[in-house]
Amino acid sequence: MEKNHMNKNALNENKINILSSNKFIFIVTFFLLIIITSIFTFSFSVFVAQILFATFTIIFINRKFERSANIYLLIYLVSISFVFLIYYANQIYYGSPYYIGGSDDLNFEKWGIDVYDANLVNPHKVLESGIIGQFHNSPFFAVYMSILIRFSNIFGEYSTFLPRILNVYYLIWICMLLEFLLKKYADFSFRKIKLSIIIFALTPNIQFINAHVFRDTFNLLQIMLIVILFDQLISRNLILKKLIYIIFLSFIIFITFYTRTNSLVFSGVLIIFILAVRLKINLHFYLLAIIPFVILSDFTELIGLKKFTEIYGSYVQTNAGDGLSRIVFTQPLVPFGIILRGFYAFITPFPNFFDLFKEPNKVLFDITMLLVYLGVVLQIFAIPFIIKRIFKIDWLSLSFLIWFLAIIATTFTFRHILIYYPFLVAVGVDGYILSSKINRKISVFFVGLMGISLAVIYISLKFL
């Protein structure tokens, strides 16, 4: 008996030593990567910011997500590589490191400088001042950029790498919050969680968006934080802890309102479904009760559904040329427009492999687009599994479906897929795992056959 007890103690000590050794290796590797990547940015402010953000990340991993530590290290490595890839691809092709040589990403940096020069931190005051326009739809992101500029000036000067690399950390934190939600409300096994996180975070389309100075990653983190803080608020019993969560929740709601007002609806939807699960309300009946309310009330007017549909529909049509997107977005939203938009969402951006590698100064940029197109192809093959899983009306399928429909009906641009993508991937992973091997093969075969047929038709129309 004594011998067995000693053996057990020895085994436990070995396990502790192994865990401690793994932690040490993880932390050392993480900080080595931080040093290397910061050197490549030629910015001391990037290095300091990375040290701060990495410290928080490691604390979160050690407390709740230790099992996923290697996954998050992989996400960091791939994401940071994508930041440099996109930066230099744009620089070589456009002569500028920004999307199409200068878009919202460049504008946000300029607005950040204007807000910094005006010494303003209150987004409402920023709007009142008119320095970025009185009808600007994201004054807090301009404030956020001004804070980064202010921080950078302490250690040298601002680098466009700073917000891009911080997006890497925000993406990791989003994955942590997603892991929490999938475990608690979708009852996912660790295998499903692991696959969902890896596929979501490493999808080239998501990496492409994340590597620019866009507000989408930052905004998705806000949406998820509101949901998690609300979950913790109703889960805790201590008054002091509730008070702390209320303060943080109020702050996040405030800055989200001034980052992208409509995104509060996304948080609200998840919170409603979380309440339904906790109160053990049948989601089928819950959904049937919500639909008449939305139709008969002024809810769609409140969230500006018509306005956003018209504005972004017109925007997409203007930039679409005479392609497929023009056909899709000229259709009335109801009844067939929403179906066409849903289909279009799964093939966006359209994987046009034939336009790649035609210009010498575009090679690096085309490599990024090739990766994005391959991600879209994988997405297309996942369609049968996503559709199959949607019909299992539960917290996960409804969370995805409502977010998906909201995006494709309103603010449908390529960047906004980031909002619904975490749940799209989780739905697809679960649908795939729940399918039998024979059904997987049949689904892949028919999707492949359809894809090849459509490709032949496309080539015939384009070149013949």
Protein backbone atom coordinates (compact mmCIF):
# COMPACT_ATOMS: atom_id res chain seq x y z
CA MET A 1 0.00 0.00 0.00
CA GLU A 2 2.77 2.37 0.99
CA LYS A 3 4.64 1.57 -2.25
CA ASN A 4 1.53 2.32 -4.37
CA HIS A 5 1.02 5.58 -2.51
CA MET A 6 4.65 6.58 -3.17
CA ASN A 7 4.29 5.67 -6.87
CA LYS A 8 1.17 7.83 -7.14
CA ASN A 9 2.95 10.75 -5.51
CA ALA A 10 5.88 10.31 -7.88
CA LEU A 11 3.50 10.28 -10.88
CA ASN A 12 1.75 13.42 -9.65
CA GLU A 13 5.10 15.17 -9.17
CA ASN A 14 6.14 14.17 -12.69
CA LYS A 15 2.89 15.57 -14.09
CA ILE A 16 3.40 18.85 -12.25
CA ASN A 17 6.99 19.04 -13.51
CA ILE A 18 5.87 18.38 -17.09
CA LEU A 19 3.14 21.04 -16.85
CA SER A 20 5.59 23.54 -15.39
CA SER A 21 8.10 22.72 -18.11
CA ASN A 22 5.44 23.15 -20.84
CA LYS A 23 4.38 26.49 -19.36
CA PHE A 24 7.98 27.69 -19.30
CA ILE A 25 8.54 26.64 -22.93
CA PHE A 26 5.27 28.30 -23.99
CA ILE A 27 6.11 31.60 -22.27
CA VAL A 28 9.71 31.69 -23.52
CA THR A 29 8.59 30.88 -27.10
CA PHE A 30 5.90 33.55 -26.97
CA PHE A 31 8.28 36.26 -25.79
CA LEU A 32 10.97 35.24 -28.28
CA LEU A 33 8.42 35.63 -31.08
CA ILE A 34 7.46 39.04 -29.67
CA ILE A 35 11.11 40.19 -29.74
CA ILE A 36 11.63 38.93 -33.30
CA THR A 37 8.40 40.38 -34.72
CA SER A 38 8.91 43.71 -32.96
CA ILE A 39 12.40 44.00 -34.46
CA PHE A 40 10.88 43.57 -37.94
CA THR A 41 8.50 46.47 -37.30
CA PHE A 42 11.39 48.82 -36.33
CA SER A 43 9.14 50.19 -33.59
CA PHE A 44 9.83 50.24 -29.87
CA SER A 45 6.19 51.15 -29.15
CA VAL A 46 5.09 47.92 -30.86
CA PHE A 47 7.48 45.96 -28.63
CA VAL A 48 6.18 47.60 -25.43
CA ALA A 49 2.55 47.12 -26.49
CA GLN A 50 3.21 43.47 -27.30
CA ILE A 51 4.80 42.88 -23.89
CA LEU A 52 1.72 44.35 -22.18
CA PHE A 53 -0.83 42.49 -24.31
CA ALA A 54 1.11 39.22 -24.20
CA THR A 55 1.27 39.39 -20.40
CA PHE A 56 -2.51 39.69 -20.20
CA THR A 57 -2.90 36.90 -22.77
CA ILE A 58 -0.63 34.53 -20.83
CA ILE A 59 -2.51 35.27 -17.61
CA PHE A 60 -5.83 34.43 -19.30
CA ILE A 61 -4.38 31.25 -20.81
CA ASN A 62 -2.92 30.05 -17.51
CA ARG A 63 -6.16 30.72 -15.63
CA LYS A 64 -8.79 29.28 -17.99
CA PHE A 65 -7.36 28.13 -21.30
CA GLU A 66 -4.20 26.22 -20.49
CA ARG A 67 -5.33 23.24 -22.53
CA SER A 68 -5.53 25.45 -25.63
CA ALA A 69 -2.19 27.21 -25.10
CA ASN A 70 -0.46 25.69 -28.14
CA ILE A 71 -3.44 26.56 -30.33
CA TYR A 72 -3.24 30.21 -29.32
CA LEU A 73 0.50 30.26 -29.91
CA LEU A 74 -0.12 28.89 -33.42
CA ILE A 75 -2.78 31.56 -34.04
CA TYR A 76 -0.34 34.24 -32.92
CA LEU A 77 2.41 32.95 -35.24
CA VAL A 78 0.17 32.65 -38.31
CA SER A 79 -1.59 35.96 -37.65
CA ILE A 80 1.62 37.93 -37.15
CA SER A 81 3.02 36.37 -40.36
CA PHE A 82 -0.11 37.47 -42.21
CA VAL A 83 0.32 41.03 -40.91
CA PHE A 84 3.76 41.23 -42.54
CA LEU A 85 2.57 39.43 -45.68
CA ILE A 86 -0.34 41.85 -46.21
CA TYR A 87 1.79 44.89 -45.34
CA TYR A 88 4.48 44.11 -47.91
CA ALA A 89 2.04 42.77 -50.53
CA ASN A 90 0.13 46.05 -50.46
CA GLN A 91 3.34 48.09 -50.28
CA ILE A 92 4.80 46.42 -53.37
CA TYR A 93 1.60 46.45 -55.44
CA TYR A 94 -0.04 49.73 -54.40
CA GLY A 95 2.97 51.62 -53.10
CA SER A 96 1.15 51.89 -49.79
CA PRO A 97 0.56 49.31 -47.00
CA TYR A 98 -3.20 49.96 -46.92
CA TYR A 99 -6.16 48.15 -48.45
CA ILE A 100 -6.35 49.00 -52.19
CA GLY A 101 -3.64 51.55 -51.49
CA GLY A 102 -5.76 53.52 -49.04
CA SER A 103 -9.31 52.95 -47.83
CA ASP A 104 -11.06 53.03 -44.43
CA ASP A 105 -7.83 51.76 -42.84
CA LEU A 106 -5.85 54.81 -43.98
CA ASN A 107 -8.76 57.13 -43.14
CA PHE A 108 -8.98 55.79 -39.58
CA GLU A 109 -5.30 56.57 -39.05
CA LYS A 110 -5.83 60.11 -40.37
CA TRP A 111 -8.90 60.58 -38.16
CA GLY A 112 -6.89 59.25 -35.22
CA ILE A 113 -4.26 61.96 -35.83
CA ASP A 114 -6.99 64.62 -36.01
CA VAL A 115 -8.53 63.46 -32.71
CA TYR A 116 -5.08 63.28 -31.10
CA ASP A 117 -4.27 66.82 -32.25
CA ALA A 118 -7.60 68.01 -30.81
CA ASN A 119 -6.79 66.28 -27.51
CA LEU A 120 -10.23 64.63 -27.29
CA VAL A 121 -11.10 61.25 -25.74
CA ASN A 122 -14.88 61.45 -25.47
CA PRO A 123 -16.41 60.12 -28.72
CA HIS A 124 -19.51 62.29 -28.28
CA LYS A 125 -17.32 65.38 -28.01
CA VAL A 126 -15.46 64.22 -31.12
CA LEU A 127 -18.74 64.20 -33.06
CA GLU A 128 -19.73 67.61 -31.68
CA SER A 129 -16.38 69.08 -32.71
CA GLY A 130 -16.94 68.06 -36.32
CA ILE A 131 -13.25 67.27 -36.86
CA ILE A 132 -14.12 63.89 -38.39
CA GLY A 133 -17.62 64.90 -39.48
CA GLN A 134 -20.72 65.24 -37.32
CA PHE A 135 -22.30 62.13 -38.84
CA HIS A 136 -19.30 59.82 -38.55
CA ASN A 137 -20.48 56.30 -37.63
CA SER A 138 -17.43 55.25 -35.60
CA PRO A 139 -16.04 58.11 -33.51
CA PHE A 140 -14.71 55.82 -30.80
CA PHE A 141 -12.49 53.95 -33.23
CA ALA A 142 -10.96 57.31 -34.14
CA VAL A 143 -10.47 57.90 -30.40
CA TYR A 144 -8.92 54.43 -30.11
CA MET A 145 -6.48 55.25 -32.92
CA SER A 146 -5.62 58.55 -31.21
CA ILE A 147 -4.85 56.64 -27.99
CA LEU A 148 -2.48 54.36 -29.92
CA ILE A 149 -0.80 57.43 -31.43
CA ARG A 150 -0.49 59.01 -27.98
CA PHE A 151 0.98 55.76 -26.59
CA SER A 152 3.43 55.49 -29.51
CA ASN A 153 4.70 59.02 -29.02
CA ILE A 154 5.89 58.09 -25.53
CA PHE A 155 8.29 55.54 -27.03
CA GLY A 156 9.15 57.12 -30.36
CA GLU A 157 6.62 57.50 -33.12
CA TYR A 158 3.45 55.82 -34.38
CA SER A 159 3.73 52.75 -36.60
CA THR A 160 0.91 51.35 -38.72
CA PHE A 161 2.05 47.94 -37.47
CA LEU A 162 0.73 48.77 -33.99
CA PRO A 163 -3.06 48.46 -34.61
CA ARG A 164 -2.48 45.53 -36.98
CA ILE A 165 -0.50 43.56 -34.38
CA LEU A 166 -2.96 44.47 -31.62
CA ASN A 167 -5.64 42.92 -33.86
CA VAL A 168 -3.70 39.66 -33.52
CA TYR A 169 -4.22 39.75 -29.75
CA TYR A 170 -7.87 40.75 -30.14
CA LEU A 171 -8.38 37.74 -32.42
CA ILE A 172 -6.84 35.44 -29.80
CA TRP A 173 -9.07 36.93 -27.10
CA ILE A 174 -12.14 36.47 -29.33
CA CYS A 175 -11.19 32.80 -29.67
CA MET A 176 -10.96 32.50 -25.89
CA LEU A 177 -14.43 33.99 -25.47
CA LEU A 178 -15.71 31.71 -28.24
CA GLU A 179 -14.20 28.73 -26.45
CA PHE A 180 -16.06 29.72 -23.28
CA LEU A 181 -19.40 30.10 -25.09
CA LEU A 182 -19.12 26.88 -27.11
CA LYS A 183 -18.26 24.90 -24.00
CA LYS A 184 -21.00 26.40 -21.83
CA TYR A 185 -23.92 26.87 -24.23
CA ALA A 186 -23.23 24.60 -27.22
CA ASP A 187 -21.92 21.75 -25.04
CA PHE A 188 -18.96 21.24 -27.38
CA SER A 189 -16.26 18.70 -26.63
CA PHE A 190 -12.67 19.93 -26.57
CA ARG A 191 -12.13 18.36 -30.02
CA LYS A 192 -14.98 20.40 -31.53
CA ILE A 193 -13.82 23.55 -29.75
CA LYS A 194 -10.26 23.05 -30.95
CA LEU A 195 -11.33 22.55 -34.58
CA SER A 196 -13.73 25.51 -34.47
CA ILE A 197 -11.09 27.88 -33.08
CA ILE A 198 -8.33 26.75 -35.44
CA ILE A 199 -10.48 26.91 -38.58
CA PHE A 200 -12.05 30.27 -37.65
CA ALA A 201 -8.83 32.02 -36.66
CA LEU A 202 -6.63 30.59 -39.42
CA THR A 203 -9.06 31.00 -42.33
CA PRO A 204 -7.14 33.22 -44.80
CA ASN A 205 -10.14 35.49 -45.37
CA ILE A 206 -10.30 36.26 -41.65
CA GLN A 207 -6.53 36.74 -41.52
CA PHE A 208 -6.71 39.11 -44.49
CA ILE A 209 -9.28 41.32 -42.71
CA ASN A 210 -7.45 41.10 -39.40
CA ALA A 211 -4.14 42.24 -40.92
CA HIS A 212 -5.52 45.66 -41.93
CA VAL A 213 -6.34 48.68 -39.77
CA PHE A 214 -10.07 47.93 -39.75
CA ARG A 215 -12.45 48.15 -36.79
CA ASP A 216 -14.06 44.73 -37.39
CA THR A 217 -11.86 42.61 -35.11
CA PHE A 218 -12.01 45.27 -32.41
CA ASN A 219 -15.80 45.47 -32.78
CA LEU A 220 -16.30 41.68 -32.65
CA LEU A 221 -14.29 41.62 -29.42
CA GLN A 222 -16.64 44.27 -28.01
CA ILE A 223 -19.71 42.24 -29.01
CA MET A 224 -18.34 39.08 -27.41
CA LEU A 225 -17.25 40.93 -24.25
CA ILE A 226 -20.77 42.30 -23.73
CA VAL A 227 -22.16 38.77 -23.94
CA ILE A 228 -19.56 37.29 -21.59
CA LEU A 229 -19.85 40.12 -19.05
CA PHE A 230 -23.63 39.70 -19.00
CA ASP A 231 -23.22 35.95 -18.54
CA GLN A 232 -20.88 36.53 -15.61
CA LEU A 233 -23.17 39.19 -14.15
CA ILE A 234 -26.11 36.80 -13.92
CA SER A 235 -23.90 33.91 -12.81
CA ARG A 236 -22.27 35.58 -9.80
CA ASN A 237 -23.84 35.85 -6.36
CA LEU A 238 -21.54 38.33 -4.64
CA ILE A 239 -22.83 41.91 -4.84
CA LEU A 240 -19.31 43.35 -5.19
CA LYS A 241 -18.55 41.15 -8.20
CA LYS A 242 -21.89 42.05 -9.77
CA LEU A 243 -21.07 45.72 -9.31
CA ILE A 244 -17.69 45.27 -11.00
CA TYR A 245 -19.30 43.48 -13.95
CA ILE A 246 -21.97 46.20 -14.24
CA ILE A 247 -19.26 48.90 -14.41
CA PHE A 248 -17.26 47.02 -17.08
CA LEU A 249 -20.42 46.12 -19.00
CA SER A 250 -21.60 49.75 -19.03
CA PHE A 251 -18.21 50.91 -20.31
CA ILE A 252 -18.09 48.30 -23.10
CA ILE A 253 -21.67 49.11 -24.18
CA PHE A 254 -20.75 52.81 -24.28
CA ILE A 255 -17.69 52.38 -26.50
CA THR A 256 -19.47 49.81 -28.69
CA PHE A 257 -22.30 52.29 -29.28
CA TYR A 258 -19.73 54.76 -30.61
CA THR A 259 -17.78 52.11 -32.56
CA ARG A 260 -20.66 50.49 -34.47
CA THR A 261 -24.08 51.14 -32.93
CA ASN A 262 -25.89 48.31 -34.69
CA SER A 263 -23.47 45.75 -33.30
CA LEU A 264 -25.24 46.09 -29.94
CA VAL A 265 -28.10 44.18 -31.55
CA PHE A 266 -25.75 41.22 -32.13
CA SER A 267 -24.86 41.15 -28.45
CA GLY A 268 -28.53 41.48 -27.56
CA VAL A 269 -29.48 38.47 -29.67
CA LEU A 270 -26.93 36.24 -27.97
CA ILE A 271 -27.98 37.47 -24.54
CA ILE A 272 -31.64 36.67 -25.33
CA PHE A 273 -30.68 33.14 -26.38
CA ILE A 274 -28.49 32.72 -23.30
CA LEU A 275 -31.44 33.73 -21.10
CA ALA A 276 -33.63 31.23 -22.95
CA VAL A 277 -31.15 28.43 -22.28
CA ARG A 278 -30.74 29.35 -18.61
CA LEU A 279 -34.50 29.63 -18.11
CA LYS A 280 -34.93 26.32 -19.98
CA ILE A 281 -37.30 27.85 -22.52
CA ASN A 282 -37.86 25.79 -25.67
CA LEU A 283 -36.05 27.73 -28.39
CA HIS A 284 -38.55 26.64 -31.06
CA PHE A 285 -41.35 28.45 -29.23
CA TYR A 286 -39.01 31.27 -28.29
CA LEU A 287 -38.24 31.88 -31.96
CA LEU A 288 -41.91 31.71 -32.94
CA ALA A 289 -42.66 34.36 -30.30
CA ILE A 290 -39.86 36.69 -31.45
CA ILE A 291 -40.67 36.67 -35.20
CA PRO A 292 -44.17 38.23 -34.90
CA PHE A 293 -42.75 40.83 -32.47
CA VAL A 294 -40.06 41.87 -34.96
CA ILE A 295 -42.54 41.99 -37.86
CA LEU A 296 -45.34 43.86 -36.05
CA SER A 297 -43.21 46.27 -34.03
CA ASP A 298 -40.97 49.17 -35.05
CA PHE A 299 -37.86 47.12 -34.22
CA THR A 300 -36.59 47.09 -37.80
CA GLU A 301 -36.96 50.89 -37.93
CA LEU A 302 -35.17 51.22 -34.59
CA ILE A 303 -32.09 49.39 -35.84
CA GLY A 304 -32.25 51.14 -39.21
CA LEU A 305 -32.71 47.97 -41.28
CA LYS A 306 -34.14 49.74 -44.32
CA LYS A 307 -31.51 52.48 -44.24
CA PHE A 308 -28.59 50.04 -43.98
CA THR A 309 -30.06 47.77 -46.68
CA GLU A 310 -30.37 50.69 -49.09
CA ILE A 311 -27.00 52.29 -48.27
CA TYR A 312 -24.88 49.14 -48.43
CA GLY A 313 -26.89 47.63 -51.29
CA SER A 314 -26.20 50.76 -53.32
CA TYR A 315 -22.52 50.72 -52.22
CA VAL A 316 -22.02 47.11 -53.35
CA GLN A 317 -23.83 47.72 -56.65
CA THR A 318 -21.66 50.77 -57.36
CA ASN A 319 -18.46 48.76 -56.87
CA ALA A 320 -19.73 45.55 -58.45
CA GLY A 321 -19.44 46.36 -62.13
CA ASP A 322 -21.50 43.98 -64.25
CA GLY A 323 -20.63 40.84 -62.31
CA LEU A 324 -22.58 38.37 -60.19
CA SER A 325 -22.79 40.75 -57.23
CA ARG A 326 -24.78 43.27 -59.32
CA ILE A 327 -27.37 40.59 -60.09
CA VAL A 328 -27.56 39.61 -56.41
CA PHE A 329 -27.84 43.11 -54.95
CA THR A 330 -30.33 44.47 -57.48
CA GLN A 331 -32.91 41.91 -56.35
CA PRO A 332 -35.52 42.93 -53.74
CA LEU A 333 -34.47 41.66 -50.32
CA VAL A 334 -37.71 39.71 -49.84
CA PRO A 335 -38.39 36.99 -50.84
CA PHE A 336 -35.56 35.92 -53.19
CA GLY A 337 -32.93 38.58 -52.52
CA ILE A 338 -32.07 37.20 -49.09
CA ILE A 339 -31.62 33.70 -50.57
CA LEU A 340 -29.31 35.00 -53.29
CA ARG A 341 -27.32 36.99 -50.74
CA GLY A 342 -27.00 33.90 -48.54
CA PHE A 343 -25.59 31.91 -51.46
CA TYR A 344 -23.34 34.82 -52.45
CA ALA A 345 -21.95 35.03 -48.90
CA PHE A 346 -20.59 31.49 -49.19
CA ILE A 347 -18.64 32.24 -52.38
CA THR A 348 -17.32 35.68 -51.39
CA PRO A 349 -14.76 36.73 -52.42
CA PHE A 350 -15.33 34.77 -55.63
CA PRO A 351 -12.30 32.49 -56.15
CA ASN A 352 -11.19 33.80 -59.53
CA PHE A 353 -7.92 31.87 -59.86
CA PHE A 354 -7.55 32.91 -63.52
CA ASP A 355 -6.75 36.53 -62.65
CA LEU A 356 -3.79 35.59 -60.47
CA PHE A 357 -0.06 35.93 -61.27
CA LYS A 358 -0.42 38.08 -64.36
CA GLU A 359 1.62 41.08 -63.17
CA PRO A 360 5.22 40.84 -61.87
CA ASN A 361 4.72 43.45 -59.12
CA LYS A 362 1.58 41.68 -57.94
CA VAL A 363 3.07 38.27 -57.10
CA LEU A 364 3.10 38.69 -53.32
CA PHE A 365 -0.39 40.20 -53.36
CA ASP A 366 -1.62 37.32 -55.54
CA ILE A 367 -0.19 34.82 -53.06
CA THR A 368 -2.40 36.36 -50.37
CA MET A 369 -5.42 36.22 -52.69
CA LEU A 370 -4.65 32.60 -53.57
CA LEU A 371 -4.75 31.76 -49.86
CA VAL A 372 -8.02 33.66 -49.48
CA TYR A 373 -9.55 31.83 -52.46
CA LEU A 374 -8.49 28.46 -51.05
CA GLY A 375 -10.25 29.43 -47.81
CA VAL A 376 -13.40 30.23 -49.79
CA VAL A 377 -13.21 26.83 -51.53
CA LEU A 378 -13.07 25.13 -48.11
CA GLN A 379 -16.04 27.28 -47.08
CA ILE A 380 -18.01 26.12 -50.15
CA PHE A 381 -17.37 22.46 -49.33
CA ALA A 382 -18.72 23.12 -45.83
CA ILE A 383 -22.12 24.36 -47.09
CA PRO A 384 -23.99 21.00 -46.81
CA PHE A 385 -22.78 20.51 -43.22
CA ILE A 386 -23.70 24.08 -42.25
CA ILE A 387 -27.20 23.75 -43.75
CA LYS A 388 -27.73 20.38 -42.09
CA ARG A 389 -26.72 21.73 -38.67
CA ILE A 390 -28.92 24.85 -38.93
CA PHE A 391 -32.06 22.73 -38.77
CA LYS A 392 -31.12 21.56 -35.30
CA ILE A 393 -32.78 24.55 -33.68
CA ASP A 394 -30.64 25.30 -30.65
CA TRP A 395 -28.53 28.09 -29.15
CA LEU A 396 -25.68 27.63 -31.65
CA SER A 397 -27.70 27.37 -34.86
CA LEU A 398 -29.93 30.33 -33.94
CA SER A 399 -26.97 32.48 -32.88
CA PHE A 400 -25.31 31.86 -36.24
CA LEU A 401 -28.48 32.20 -38.30
CA ILE A 402 -29.59 35.51 -36.80
CA TRP A 403 -26.10 37.05 -37.09
CA PHE A 404 -25.70 35.72 -40.63
CA LEU A 405 -29.07 37.02 -41.84
CA ALA A 406 -28.50 40.39 -40.16
CA ILE A 407 -25.16 40.87 -41.96
CA ILE A 408 -26.26 39.74 -45.43
CA ALA A 409 -29.46 41.80 -45.19
CA THR A 410 -27.76 45.03 -44.12
CA THR A 411 -24.04 45.83 -44.00
CA PHE A 412 -22.91 43.19 -46.47
CA THR A 413 -19.30 43.98 -47.36
CA PHE A 414 -16.43 41.50 -47.40
CA ARG A 415 -15.10 42.70 -44.02
CA HIS A 416 -18.35 42.12 -42.16
CA ILE A 417 -18.25 38.35 -42.58
CA LEU A 418 -15.86 38.43 -39.62
CA ILE A 419 -18.85 39.08 -37.34
CA TYR A 420 -20.73 35.85 -38.05
CA TYR A 421 -17.75 33.69 -39.03
CA PRO A 422 -16.99 32.20 -35.57
CA PHE A 423 -20.47 30.67 -35.38
CA LEU A 424 -20.48 29.71 -39.06
CA VAL A 425 -17.35 27.65 -38.47
CA ALA A 426 -18.71 26.12 -35.24
CA VAL A 427 -21.94 25.14 -37.02
CA GLY A 428 -19.96 23.65 -39.91
CA VAL A 429 -17.62 21.70 -37.63
CA ASP A 430 -20.50 20.27 -35.62
CA GLY A 431 -22.44 19.44 -38.78
CA TYR A 432 -19.41 17.65 -40.22
CA ILE A 433 -18.68 15.63 -37.07
CA LEU A 434 -22.34 14.65 -36.68
CA SER A 435 -22.43 13.34 -40.27
CA SER A 436 -21.57 9.74 -41.10
CA LYS A 437 -18.50 9.02 -43.25
CA ILE A 438 -20.62 8.04 -46.24
CA ASN A 439 -22.70 11.23 -46.00
CA ARG A 440 -19.52 13.31 -45.79
CA LYS A 441 -18.20 11.72 -48.98
CA ILE A 442 -21.51 12.16 -50.81
CA SER A 443 -21.75 15.83 -49.76
CA VAL A 444 -18.17 16.60 -50.76
CA PHE A 445 -18.64 14.82 -54.10
CA PHE A 446 -21.79 16.72 -55.06
CA VAL A 447 -20.41 20.09 -53.94
CA GLY A 448 -17.22 19.38 -55.92
CA LEU A 449 -19.23 18.35 -58.99
CA MET A 450 -21.39 21.46 -58.76
CA GLY A 451 -18.32 23.64 -58.25
CA ILE A 452 -16.59 22.21 -61.32
CA SER A 453 -19.77 22.65 -63.40
CA LEU A 454 -20.14 26.29 -62.35
CA ALA A 455 -16.43 26.88 -63.03
CA VAL A 456 -16.82 25.48 -66.57
CA ILE A 457 -19.84 27.73 -67.17
CA TYR A 458 -17.92 30.74 -65.81
CA ILE A 459 -14.91 30.05 -68.03
CA SER A 460 -17.12 29.54 -71.07
CA LEU A 461 -18.92 32.85 -70.53
CA LYS A 462 -15.68 34.73 -69.79
CA PHE A 463 -13.37 33.44 -72.50
CA LEU A 464 -15.55 32.06 -75.30
